[in-house]
Amino acid sequence: MHILINKNYLIFKNYKVKCAIGKRGIGYKRKEGDLLTPKGSYKIKFILYRQDRVKKIQSKIKKITIKKNMGWCNDPHSKQYNKLVKLPFNFSYEKLYKKENIYDIVIVLNYNMSPIVKNRGSAIFIHVTKGKYKRTEGCVALKKIHLLKIVKELKNNTEVKIGNQKFDFQF
């Protein structure tokens, strides 16, 4: 079973939930910081989560606990571009241990990972939404309760398909 995402919804199995996407919509990413959610089909690399905020996360996917010294490199000048990094770090990065809850649960997609193309975009995640589905910098965001439900059902071969399609087909 695959996860299907368009500009308004995420669908997995018979579960359809509202989601937020990048501020400039869905498209083919050209560069870091273009505010697009990348169109395409992706695999799930692993799940990051805050153990202090999500007590027991159930999933068949590899899980990594977010620690205070963790970040994600978004600097194309670094050899660690688009990878998990340990802080302090000498290049630009996204801090993963945040006060706000958007990174309580993070599904890491394999966007721009094999091979990594410098400046093509980094840190494409499915994570917890800010408030009332505030648009993202390129990630997909949904309510924590929905993310927890989906994570339980994921398998290692689950693909994430992001596009502009309407969901008018049968499951």
N, C-alpha and C. Protein backbone atom coordinates (compact mmCIF):
# COMPACT_ATOMS: atom_id res chain seq x y z
N MET A 1 0.84 -1.19 0.00
CA MET A 1 0.00 0.00 0.00
C MET A 1 0.88 1.25 0.00
N HIS A 2 0.49 2.22 -0.78
CA HIS A 2 1.27 3.45 -0.90
C HIS A 2 0.56 4.62 -0.23
N ILE A 3 1.35 5.63 0.11
CA ILE A 3 0.82 6.89 0.60
C ILE A 3 0.70 7.80 -0.61
N LEU A 4 -0.46 8.38 -0.81
CA LEU A 4 -0.69 9.30 -1.92
C LEU A 4 -0.93 10.69 -1.35
N ILE A 5 -0.24 11.68 -1.95
CA ILE A 5 -0.33 13.05 -1.44
C ILE A 5 -0.58 14.00 -2.60
N ASN A 6 -1.60 14.87 -2.42
CA ASN A 6 -1.78 15.98 -3.36
C ASN A 6 -1.82 17.27 -2.56
N LYS A 7 -2.25 18.37 -3.17
CA LYS A 7 -2.16 19.66 -2.49
C LYS A 7 -3.07 19.80 -1.27
N ASN A 8 -4.05 18.91 -1.13
CA ASN A 8 -4.97 19.02 -0.01
C ASN A 8 -5.00 17.84 0.95
N TYR A 9 -4.68 16.65 0.42
CA TYR A 9 -4.89 15.44 1.21
C TYR A 9 -3.74 14.46 1.13
N LEU A 10 -3.65 13.65 2.19
CA LEU A 10 -2.80 12.49 2.23
C LEU A 10 -3.74 11.30 2.38
N ILE A 11 -3.54 10.28 1.54
CA ILE A 11 -4.36 9.08 1.62
C ILE A 11 -3.46 7.88 1.80
N PHE A 12 -3.81 7.05 2.78
CA PHE A 12 -3.09 5.80 3.03
C PHE A 12 -4.11 4.75 3.42
N LYS A 13 -4.16 3.69 2.64
CA LYS A 13 -5.17 2.65 2.79
C LYS A 13 -6.53 3.34 2.62
N ASN A 14 -7.44 3.18 3.58
CA ASN A 14 -8.75 3.85 3.48
C ASN A 14 -8.81 5.09 4.36
N TYR A 15 -7.66 5.64 4.66
CA TYR A 15 -7.54 6.77 5.57
C TYR A 15 -7.17 8.02 4.77
N LYS A 16 -8.04 9.02 4.79
CA LYS A 16 -7.82 10.26 4.05
C LYS A 16 -7.81 11.41 5.04
N VAL A 17 -6.71 12.18 5.06
CA VAL A 17 -6.59 13.29 6.01
C VAL A 17 -6.09 14.54 5.29
N LYS A 18 -6.47 15.66 5.84
CA LYS A 18 -6.00 16.95 5.32
C LYS A 18 -4.50 17.07 5.60
N CYS A 19 -3.79 17.73 4.68
CA CYS A 19 -2.36 17.96 4.90
C CYS A 19 -1.95 19.32 4.35
N ALA A 20 -0.80 19.78 4.76
CA ALA A 20 -0.21 21.02 4.24
C ALA A 20 1.01 20.64 3.42
N ILE A 21 1.29 21.43 2.39
CA ILE A 21 2.46 21.20 1.53
C ILE A 21 3.26 22.50 1.44
N GLY A 22 4.26 22.52 0.60
CA GLY A 22 5.11 23.69 0.42
C GLY A 22 4.35 24.94 -0.02
N LYS A 23 4.87 26.10 0.35
CA LYS A 23 4.22 27.39 0.05
C LYS A 23 4.01 27.62 -1.45
N ARG A 24 4.84 27.01 -2.30
CA ARG A 24 4.71 27.18 -3.75
C ARG A 24 4.09 25.96 -4.42
N GLY A 25 3.49 25.06 -3.61
CA GLY A 25 2.78 23.91 -4.16
C GLY A 25 3.68 22.71 -4.42
N ILE A 26 3.20 21.85 -5.33
CA ILE A 26 3.91 20.63 -5.69
C ILE A 26 4.53 20.82 -7.07
N GLY A 27 5.78 20.43 -7.22
CA GLY A 27 6.44 20.57 -8.52
C GLY A 27 7.80 19.91 -8.51
N TYR A 28 8.55 20.11 -9.58
CA TYR A 28 9.90 19.56 -9.66
C TYR A 28 10.87 20.55 -9.04
N LYS A 29 11.48 20.13 -7.94
CA LYS A 29 12.40 21.02 -7.22
C LYS A 29 13.60 21.36 -8.09
N ARG A 30 13.95 22.62 -8.10
CA ARG A 30 15.10 23.07 -8.87
C ARG A 30 16.28 23.43 -7.96
N LYS A 31 15.95 23.91 -6.73
CA LYS A 31 17.03 24.33 -5.85
C LYS A 31 16.60 24.33 -4.39
N GLU A 32 17.59 24.37 -3.53
CA GLU A 32 17.39 24.46 -2.08
C GLU A 32 16.60 25.73 -1.78
N GLY A 33 15.57 25.61 -0.95
CA GLY A 33 14.82 26.79 -0.51
C GLY A 33 13.78 27.29 -1.49
N ASP A 34 13.39 26.50 -2.49
CA ASP A 34 12.41 26.98 -3.48
C ASP A 34 10.96 26.86 -3.01
N LEU A 35 10.74 26.34 -1.80
CA LEU A 35 9.42 26.22 -1.16
C LEU A 35 8.46 25.29 -1.90
N LEU A 36 9.00 24.39 -2.72
CA LEU A 36 8.19 23.39 -3.43
C LEU A 36 8.24 22.05 -2.71
N THR A 37 7.11 21.36 -2.70
CA THR A 37 7.09 19.96 -2.28
C THR A 37 7.40 19.16 -3.53
N PRO A 38 8.41 18.29 -3.48
CA PRO A 38 8.85 17.61 -4.71
C PRO A 38 7.88 16.54 -5.22
N LYS A 39 7.50 16.69 -6.48
CA LYS A 39 6.65 15.71 -7.15
C LYS A 39 7.47 14.45 -7.40
N GLY A 40 6.86 13.29 -7.20
CA GLY A 40 7.56 12.04 -7.46
C GLY A 40 7.18 10.93 -6.50
N SER A 41 7.91 9.84 -6.61
CA SER A 41 7.68 8.67 -5.78
C SER A 41 8.91 8.43 -4.92
N TYR A 42 8.70 8.26 -3.62
CA TYR A 42 9.82 8.17 -2.67
C TYR A 42 9.65 7.00 -1.71
N LYS A 43 10.77 6.54 -1.21
CA LYS A 43 10.77 5.51 -0.18
C LYS A 43 10.97 6.20 1.17
N ILE A 44 10.59 5.49 2.21
CA ILE A 44 10.78 6.00 3.57
C ILE A 44 12.11 5.49 4.08
N LYS A 45 13.00 6.39 4.48
CA LYS A 45 14.33 6.01 4.98
C LYS A 45 14.23 5.55 6.43
N PHE A 46 13.63 6.39 7.28
CA PHE A 46 13.47 6.07 8.70
C PHE A 46 12.53 7.08 9.33
N ILE A 47 12.23 6.86 10.59
CA ILE A 47 11.36 7.75 11.36
C ILE A 47 12.20 8.35 12.48
N LEU A 48 12.12 9.67 12.63
CA LEU A 48 12.74 10.37 13.75
C LEU A 48 11.61 10.74 14.71
N TYR A 49 11.87 10.69 16.01
CA TYR A 49 10.81 11.09 16.95
C TYR A 49 11.39 11.55 18.28
N ARG A 50 10.59 12.37 18.96
CA ARG A 50 10.95 12.89 20.29
C ARG A 50 10.39 11.93 21.33
N GLN A 51 11.25 11.20 21.99
CA GLN A 51 10.84 10.21 22.98
C GLN A 51 10.15 10.84 24.18
N ASP A 52 10.47 12.10 24.48
CA ASP A 52 9.83 12.78 25.60
C ASP A 52 8.41 13.23 25.27
N ARG A 53 8.04 13.24 23.99
CA ARG A 53 6.70 13.70 23.58
C ARG A 53 5.86 12.59 22.95
N VAL A 54 6.51 11.56 22.47
CA VAL A 54 5.81 10.40 21.90
C VAL A 54 6.34 9.19 22.65
N LYS A 55 5.56 8.71 23.61
CA LYS A 55 6.06 7.69 24.53
C LYS A 55 6.44 6.40 23.83
N LYS A 56 5.53 5.80 23.12
CA LYS A 56 5.83 4.53 22.46
C LYS A 56 5.36 4.61 21.02
N ILE A 57 6.32 4.61 20.12
CA ILE A 57 5.98 4.69 18.71
C ILE A 57 6.08 3.28 18.13
N GLN A 58 4.99 2.86 17.51
CA GLN A 58 4.95 1.52 16.92
C GLN A 58 5.08 1.64 15.41
N SER A 59 6.08 0.97 14.86
CA SER A 59 6.26 0.96 13.41
C SER A 59 7.25 -0.11 13.02
N LYS A 60 7.08 -0.65 11.82
CA LYS A 60 8.03 -1.62 11.28
C LYS A 60 9.23 -0.91 10.66
N ILE A 61 9.12 0.40 10.48
CA ILE A 61 10.19 1.21 9.90
C ILE A 61 11.23 1.51 10.98
N LYS A 62 12.50 1.61 10.58
CA LYS A 62 13.57 1.97 11.52
C LYS A 62 13.26 3.30 12.20
N LYS A 63 13.46 3.34 13.53
CA LYS A 63 13.17 4.54 14.32
C LYS A 63 14.45 5.06 14.97
N ILE A 64 14.58 6.39 14.99
CA ILE A 64 15.72 7.03 15.64
C ILE A 64 15.18 8.11 16.57
N THR A 65 15.62 8.07 17.82
CA THR A 65 15.20 9.07 18.80
C THR A 65 15.94 10.38 18.54
N ILE A 66 15.19 11.48 18.49
CA ILE A 66 15.80 12.81 18.30
C ILE A 66 16.41 13.26 19.63
N LYS A 67 17.69 13.62 19.55
CA LYS A 67 18.40 14.13 20.73
C LYS A 67 18.67 15.62 20.53
N LYS A 68 19.02 16.30 21.62
CA LYS A 68 19.23 17.75 21.57
C LYS A 68 20.33 18.17 20.62
N ASN A 69 21.27 17.28 20.34
CA ASN A 69 22.41 17.63 19.48
C ASN A 69 22.24 17.15 18.04
N MET A 70 21.00 17.00 17.59
CA MET A 70 20.76 16.51 16.23
C MET A 70 20.24 17.61 15.31
N GLY A 71 20.72 17.56 14.08
CA GLY A 71 20.27 18.49 13.05
C GLY A 71 20.24 17.80 11.70
N TRP A 72 19.79 18.54 10.68
CA TRP A 72 19.78 18.04 9.31
C TRP A 72 20.45 19.09 8.44
N CYS A 73 21.55 18.71 7.79
CA CYS A 73 22.33 19.67 7.00
C CYS A 73 21.56 20.10 5.75
N ASN A 74 21.40 21.42 5.60
CA ASN A 74 20.75 21.97 4.41
C ASN A 74 21.69 22.91 3.64
N ASP A 75 22.98 22.76 3.89
CA ASP A 75 23.99 23.60 3.26
C ASP A 75 24.69 22.84 2.13
N PRO A 76 24.44 23.24 0.86
CA PRO A 76 25.03 22.53 -0.28
C PRO A 76 26.56 22.54 -0.30
N HIS A 77 27.18 23.41 0.48
CA HIS A 77 28.65 23.46 0.53
C HIS A 77 29.25 22.38 1.42
N SER A 78 28.42 21.70 2.19
CA SER A 78 28.90 20.69 3.12
C SER A 78 28.90 19.30 2.48
N LYS A 79 29.85 18.46 2.88
CA LYS A 79 29.87 17.06 2.46
C LYS A 79 28.72 16.29 3.11
N GLN A 80 28.14 16.86 4.15
CA GLN A 80 27.03 16.22 4.87
C GLN A 80 25.66 16.72 4.39
N TYR A 81 25.63 17.42 3.25
CA TYR A 81 24.38 17.97 2.70
C TYR A 81 23.30 16.90 2.62
N ASN A 82 22.11 17.24 3.09
CA ASN A 82 20.92 16.39 3.10
C ASN A 82 21.13 15.12 3.93
N LYS A 83 21.83 15.28 5.05
CA LYS A 83 22.04 14.15 5.96
C LYS A 83 21.83 14.59 7.40
N LEU A 84 21.58 13.61 8.24
CA LEU A 84 21.48 13.81 9.68
C LEU A 84 22.88 14.18 10.18
N VAL A 85 22.96 15.22 11.03
CA VAL A 85 24.26 15.65 11.55
C VAL A 85 24.21 15.85 13.06
N LYS A 86 25.39 15.81 13.66
CA LYS A 86 25.54 16.04 15.10
C LYS A 86 25.95 17.49 15.31
N LEU A 87 25.31 18.16 16.26
CA LEU A 87 25.60 19.56 16.57
C LEU A 87 26.60 19.63 17.72
N PRO A 88 27.43 20.65 17.80
CA PRO A 88 27.51 21.78 16.87
C PRO A 88 28.05 21.35 15.50
N PHE A 89 27.69 22.14 14.49
CA PHE A 89 28.01 21.81 13.10
C PHE A 89 28.43 23.10 12.40
N ASN A 90 29.45 23.03 11.57
CA ASN A 90 30.02 24.24 10.96
C ASN A 90 29.27 24.78 9.75
N PHE A 91 28.28 24.07 9.27
CA PHE A 91 27.52 24.52 8.11
C PHE A 91 26.06 24.75 8.51
N SER A 92 25.28 25.28 7.59
CA SER A 92 23.86 25.55 7.85
C SER A 92 23.10 24.23 8.05
N TYR A 93 22.16 24.25 8.99
CA TYR A 93 21.39 23.05 9.29
C TYR A 93 20.03 23.42 9.86
N GLU A 94 19.15 22.45 9.87
CA GLU A 94 17.83 22.55 10.50
C GLU A 94 17.95 21.81 11.83
N LYS A 95 17.64 22.49 12.92
CA LYS A 95 17.66 21.85 14.24
C LYS A 95 16.45 20.92 14.34
N LEU A 96 16.65 19.69 14.81
CA LEU A 96 15.56 18.73 14.90
C LEU A 96 14.87 18.72 16.27
N TYR A 97 15.60 19.10 17.30
CA TYR A 97 15.04 19.13 18.65
C TYR A 97 14.49 20.54 18.87
N LYS A 98 13.18 20.71 18.67
CA LYS A 98 12.57 22.05 18.70
C LYS A 98 11.59 22.20 19.87
N LYS A 99 11.37 23.46 20.28
CA LYS A 99 10.35 23.75 21.29
C LYS A 99 8.97 23.41 20.74
N GLU A 100 8.70 23.88 19.53
CA GLU A 100 7.41 23.58 18.90
C GLU A 100 7.37 22.10 18.56
N ASN A 101 6.18 21.58 18.32
CA ASN A 101 6.04 20.14 18.18
C ASN A 101 6.13 19.61 16.75
N ILE A 102 6.53 20.41 15.78
CA ILE A 102 6.48 19.96 14.39
C ILE A 102 7.37 18.75 14.11
N TYR A 103 8.43 18.58 14.88
CA TYR A 103 9.31 17.43 14.67
C TYR A 103 9.17 16.37 15.78
N ASP A 104 8.02 16.32 16.42
CA ASP A 104 7.77 15.25 17.39
C ASP A 104 7.84 13.89 16.70
N ILE A 105 7.31 13.82 15.47
CA ILE A 105 7.39 12.62 14.63
C ILE A 105 7.75 13.10 13.22
N VAL A 106 8.76 12.48 12.64
CA VAL A 106 9.22 12.87 11.31
C VAL A 106 9.43 11.61 10.47
N ILE A 107 8.73 11.53 9.35
CA ILE A 107 8.99 10.46 8.38
C ILE A 107 9.97 11.05 7.37
N VAL A 108 11.16 10.48 7.29
CA VAL A 108 12.21 10.98 6.40
C VAL A 108 12.08 10.28 5.05
N LEU A 109 11.89 11.08 3.99
CA LEU A 109 11.79 10.52 2.64
C LEU A 109 13.16 10.52 1.98
N ASN A 110 13.36 9.63 1.02
CA ASN A 110 14.68 9.52 0.37
C ASN A 110 14.85 10.51 -0.78
N TYR A 111 14.16 11.64 -0.72
CA TYR A 111 14.32 12.67 -1.75
C TYR A 111 15.77 13.15 -1.80
N ASN A 112 16.34 13.19 -3.00
CA ASN A 112 17.71 13.68 -3.25
C ASN A 112 18.75 12.98 -2.37
N MET A 113 18.66 11.65 -2.30
CA MET A 113 19.62 10.92 -1.46
C MET A 113 20.50 9.94 -2.21
N SER A 114 20.09 9.44 -3.36
CA SER A 114 20.96 8.49 -4.05
C SER A 114 20.95 8.73 -5.54
N PRO A 115 21.81 9.53 -6.05
CA PRO A 115 22.86 10.25 -5.32
C PRO A 115 22.35 11.59 -4.80
N ILE A 116 23.10 12.19 -3.90
CA ILE A 116 22.77 13.53 -3.42
C ILE A 116 23.30 14.53 -4.44
N VAL A 117 22.41 15.39 -4.93
CA VAL A 117 22.80 16.45 -5.87
C VAL A 117 22.82 17.76 -5.10
N LYS A 118 23.99 18.39 -5.05
CA LYS A 118 24.15 19.64 -4.30
C LYS A 118 23.14 20.69 -4.77
N ASN A 119 22.49 21.34 -3.81
CA ASN A 119 21.53 22.43 -4.02
C ASN A 119 20.20 22.00 -4.63
N ARG A 120 19.91 20.70 -4.73
CA ARG A 120 18.65 20.22 -5.30
C ARG A 120 17.52 20.20 -4.27
N GLY A 121 17.86 20.38 -3.01
CA GLY A 121 16.84 20.37 -1.96
C GLY A 121 17.15 19.32 -0.92
N SER A 122 16.78 19.63 0.33
CA SER A 122 17.10 18.73 1.44
C SER A 122 15.96 18.72 2.45
N ALA A 123 16.04 17.77 3.36
CA ALA A 123 15.11 17.69 4.50
C ALA A 123 13.65 17.63 4.05
N ILE A 124 13.35 16.72 3.15
CA ILE A 124 11.95 16.54 2.74
C ILE A 124 11.35 15.47 3.65
N PHE A 125 10.46 15.94 4.52
CA PHE A 125 9.88 15.12 5.57
C PHE A 125 8.34 15.14 5.50
N ILE A 126 7.75 14.17 6.18
CA ILE A 126 6.33 14.25 6.56
C ILE A 126 6.38 14.44 8.06
N HIS A 127 5.83 15.56 8.54
CA HIS A 127 5.93 15.88 9.97
C HIS A 127 4.62 16.49 10.49
N VAL A 128 4.63 16.90 11.73
CA VAL A 128 3.44 17.47 12.39
C VAL A 128 3.21 18.89 11.88
N THR A 129 1.95 19.22 11.60
CA THR A 129 1.60 20.54 11.08
C THR A 129 1.66 21.62 12.15
N LYS A 130 1.91 22.84 11.70
CA LYS A 130 1.84 24.02 12.58
C LYS A 130 0.41 24.52 12.54
N GLY A 131 -0.21 24.65 13.68
CA GLY A 131 -1.55 25.23 13.77
C GLY A 131 -2.53 24.68 12.76
N LYS A 132 -3.13 25.57 12.01
CA LYS A 132 -4.19 25.19 11.06
C LYS A 132 -3.60 24.93 9.67
N TYR A 133 -2.77 23.92 9.58
CA TYR A 133 -2.19 23.48 8.30
C TYR A 133 -1.45 24.60 7.58
N LYS A 134 -0.56 25.26 8.33
CA LYS A 134 0.27 26.31 7.75
C LYS A 134 1.19 25.70 6.70
N ARG A 135 1.31 26.36 5.56
CA ARG A 135 2.16 25.87 4.47
C ARG A 135 3.60 25.71 4.95
N THR A 136 4.33 24.78 4.33
CA THR A 136 5.68 24.43 4.77
C THR A 136 6.73 24.99 3.80
N GLU A 137 7.99 24.66 4.07
CA GLU A 137 9.08 25.04 3.17
C GLU A 137 9.34 23.98 2.11
N GLY A 138 8.49 22.94 2.08
CA GLY A 138 8.63 21.87 1.09
C GLY A 138 8.21 20.51 1.62
N CYS A 139 8.05 20.41 2.91
CA CYS A 139 7.63 19.15 3.53
C CYS A 139 6.11 18.97 3.39
N VAL A 140 5.65 17.82 3.84
CA VAL A 140 4.22 17.54 3.96
C VAL A 140 3.94 17.51 5.47
N ALA A 141 2.86 18.17 5.90
CA ALA A 141 2.57 18.23 7.33
C ALA A 141 1.12 17.86 7.60
N LEU A 142 0.90 17.12 8.69
CA LEU A 142 -0.45 16.75 9.10
C LEU A 142 -0.53 16.69 10.61
N LYS A 143 -1.73 16.54 11.13
CA LYS A 143 -1.90 16.51 12.59
C LYS A 143 -1.21 15.30 13.18
N LYS A 144 -0.69 15.49 14.39
CA LYS A 144 0.07 14.46 15.09
C LYS A 144 -0.74 13.17 15.25
N ILE A 145 -2.01 13.30 15.58
CA ILE A 145 -2.86 12.11 15.77
C ILE A 145 -2.95 11.28 14.48
N HIS A 146 -3.00 11.96 13.33
CA HIS A 146 -3.07 11.27 12.04
C HIS A 146 -1.72 10.63 11.71
N LEU A 147 -0.64 11.33 12.00
CA LEU A 147 0.70 10.81 11.74
C LEU A 147 0.97 9.55 12.57
N LEU A 148 0.56 9.56 13.82
CA LEU A 148 0.72 8.38 14.68
C LEU A 148 -0.03 7.18 14.12
N LYS A 149 -1.23 7.40 13.62
CA LYS A 149 -2.04 6.31 13.06
C LYS A 149 -1.37 5.73 11.81
N ILE A 150 -0.85 6.59 10.95
CA ILE A 150 -0.21 6.16 9.71
C ILE A 150 1.09 5.40 9.99
N VAL A 151 1.92 5.92 10.89
CA VAL A 151 3.21 5.32 11.22
C VAL A 151 3.05 3.85 11.65
N LYS A 152 1.99 3.54 12.38
CA LYS A 152 1.74 2.17 12.85
C LYS A 152 1.58 1.19 11.69
N GLU A 153 1.04 1.68 10.58
CA GLU A 153 0.70 0.81 9.44
C GLU A 153 1.79 0.72 8.37
N LEU A 154 2.83 1.53 8.49
CA LEU A 154 3.86 1.56 7.44
C LEU A 154 4.65 0.27 7.39
N LYS A 155 5.05 -0.07 6.16
CA LYS A 155 5.93 -1.23 5.95
C LYS A 155 7.18 -0.74 5.24
N ASN A 156 8.21 -1.55 5.21
CA ASN A 156 9.47 -1.15 4.58
C ASN A 156 9.33 -0.87 3.09
N ASN A 157 8.35 -1.45 2.45
CA ASN A 157 8.17 -1.23 1.00
C ASN A 157 7.10 -0.18 0.69
N THR A 158 6.59 0.52 1.70
CA THR A 158 5.61 1.57 1.46
C THR A 158 6.26 2.71 0.68
N GLU A 159 5.62 3.13 -0.41
CA GLU A 159 6.11 4.26 -1.19
C GLU A 159 5.23 5.47 -0.92
N VAL A 160 5.84 6.64 -1.04
CA VAL A 160 5.12 7.90 -0.89
C VAL A 160 5.08 8.55 -2.27
N LYS A 161 3.87 8.74 -2.79
CA LYS A 161 3.70 9.32 -4.12
C LYS A 161 3.09 10.71 -3.97
N ILE A 162 3.86 11.70 -4.43
CA ILE A 162 3.43 13.10 -4.32
C ILE A 162 3.16 13.63 -5.72
N GLY A 163 1.96 14.19 -5.91
CA GLY A 163 1.62 14.72 -7.22
C GLY A 163 0.44 15.66 -7.16
N ASN A 164 0.04 16.15 -8.32
CA ASN A 164 -1.08 17.08 -8.40
C ASN A 164 -2.38 16.37 -8.74
N GLN A 165 -2.38 15.05 -8.74
CA GLN A 165 -3.54 14.27 -9.14
C GLN A 165 -4.72 14.41 -8.19
N LYS A 166 -5.89 14.18 -8.75
CA LYS A 166 -7.10 14.09 -7.92
C LYS A 166 -7.23 12.63 -7.53
N PHE A 167 -7.79 12.39 -6.38
CA PHE A 167 -7.95 11.02 -5.91
C PHE A 167 -9.34 10.53 -6.26
N ASP A 168 -9.53 10.14 -7.50
CA ASP A 168 -10.84 9.68 -7.93
C ASP A 168 -10.79 8.22 -8.35
N PHE A 169 -9.83 7.47 -7.83
CA PHE A 169 -9.72 6.06 -8.15
C PHE A 169 -10.05 5.24 -6.92
N GLN A 170 -10.25 3.96 -7.13
CA GLN A 170 -10.62 3.06 -6.05
C GLN A 170 -9.38 2.49 -5.37
N PHE A 171 -9.52 2.16 -4.10
CA PHE A 171 -8.43 1.51 -3.36
C PHE A 171 -8.72 0.04 -3.29
